[in-house]
Amino acid sequence: MRLHLRWALATGLLLAAGCGAAGGAALDTTLDHVDKATGVRPSWRVGAGPGDDATLRVRALLAEPLGGDGAVEVALRLHPEVQAALAELLVAGGAARQAGAWPNPELDLHSLVRDDKFFVEVGILFDVSMLLQRGPGQDQAGAALGAARMRAAAQLVRVALRARLAY
């Protein structure tokens, strides 16, 4: 019963986490909540090698008889579905950050010859329609980031539960 309460708490913390962070910050916040609730910090393993922290920890766990908590930790550190959920979270965080970015101005140069005189017009253009879309775009991206956090939380809990049940 205590384990189920622990995972329910982990899910609640993940779902209640604020959606203001973007990109890596969203990932770090989510991993911090998982770590606080379960004592296991899932590992984002881009470019992971034989000497990375997750691999070394898993090797240490597998060097001894594996218990249920160890099986859950191995699953949360190495399972491909966890990695996919964390990648989706990073993509949603990047989209949220991009939605909050101001549009870049454009430099406009025109040359004109009139009555044997050469003229150069210089202008700076700013896409006003992008400014009008910025607020709703931020709202939509924030909602997508929140949904990605929920999907990641659900996936982490599913993987942990399957590891626990398989053990």
Foldseek 3Di string as FASTA:
>chain_A
DVVVVLLVQLLVQLLPDALPAFAVVNLVSNQVSNCVSLVARADQAVVNDCPDPLNVVLVVCVVDDHDLSNLLNNLSHDPVLLNVLSVQLNVLRVQLVVLQDADDKDWDWDWDADPNDIDIDIDIHGPVVSVVCSVVSNVVSSVSSSVSSSVSSVSSSVSSVVSNVVD
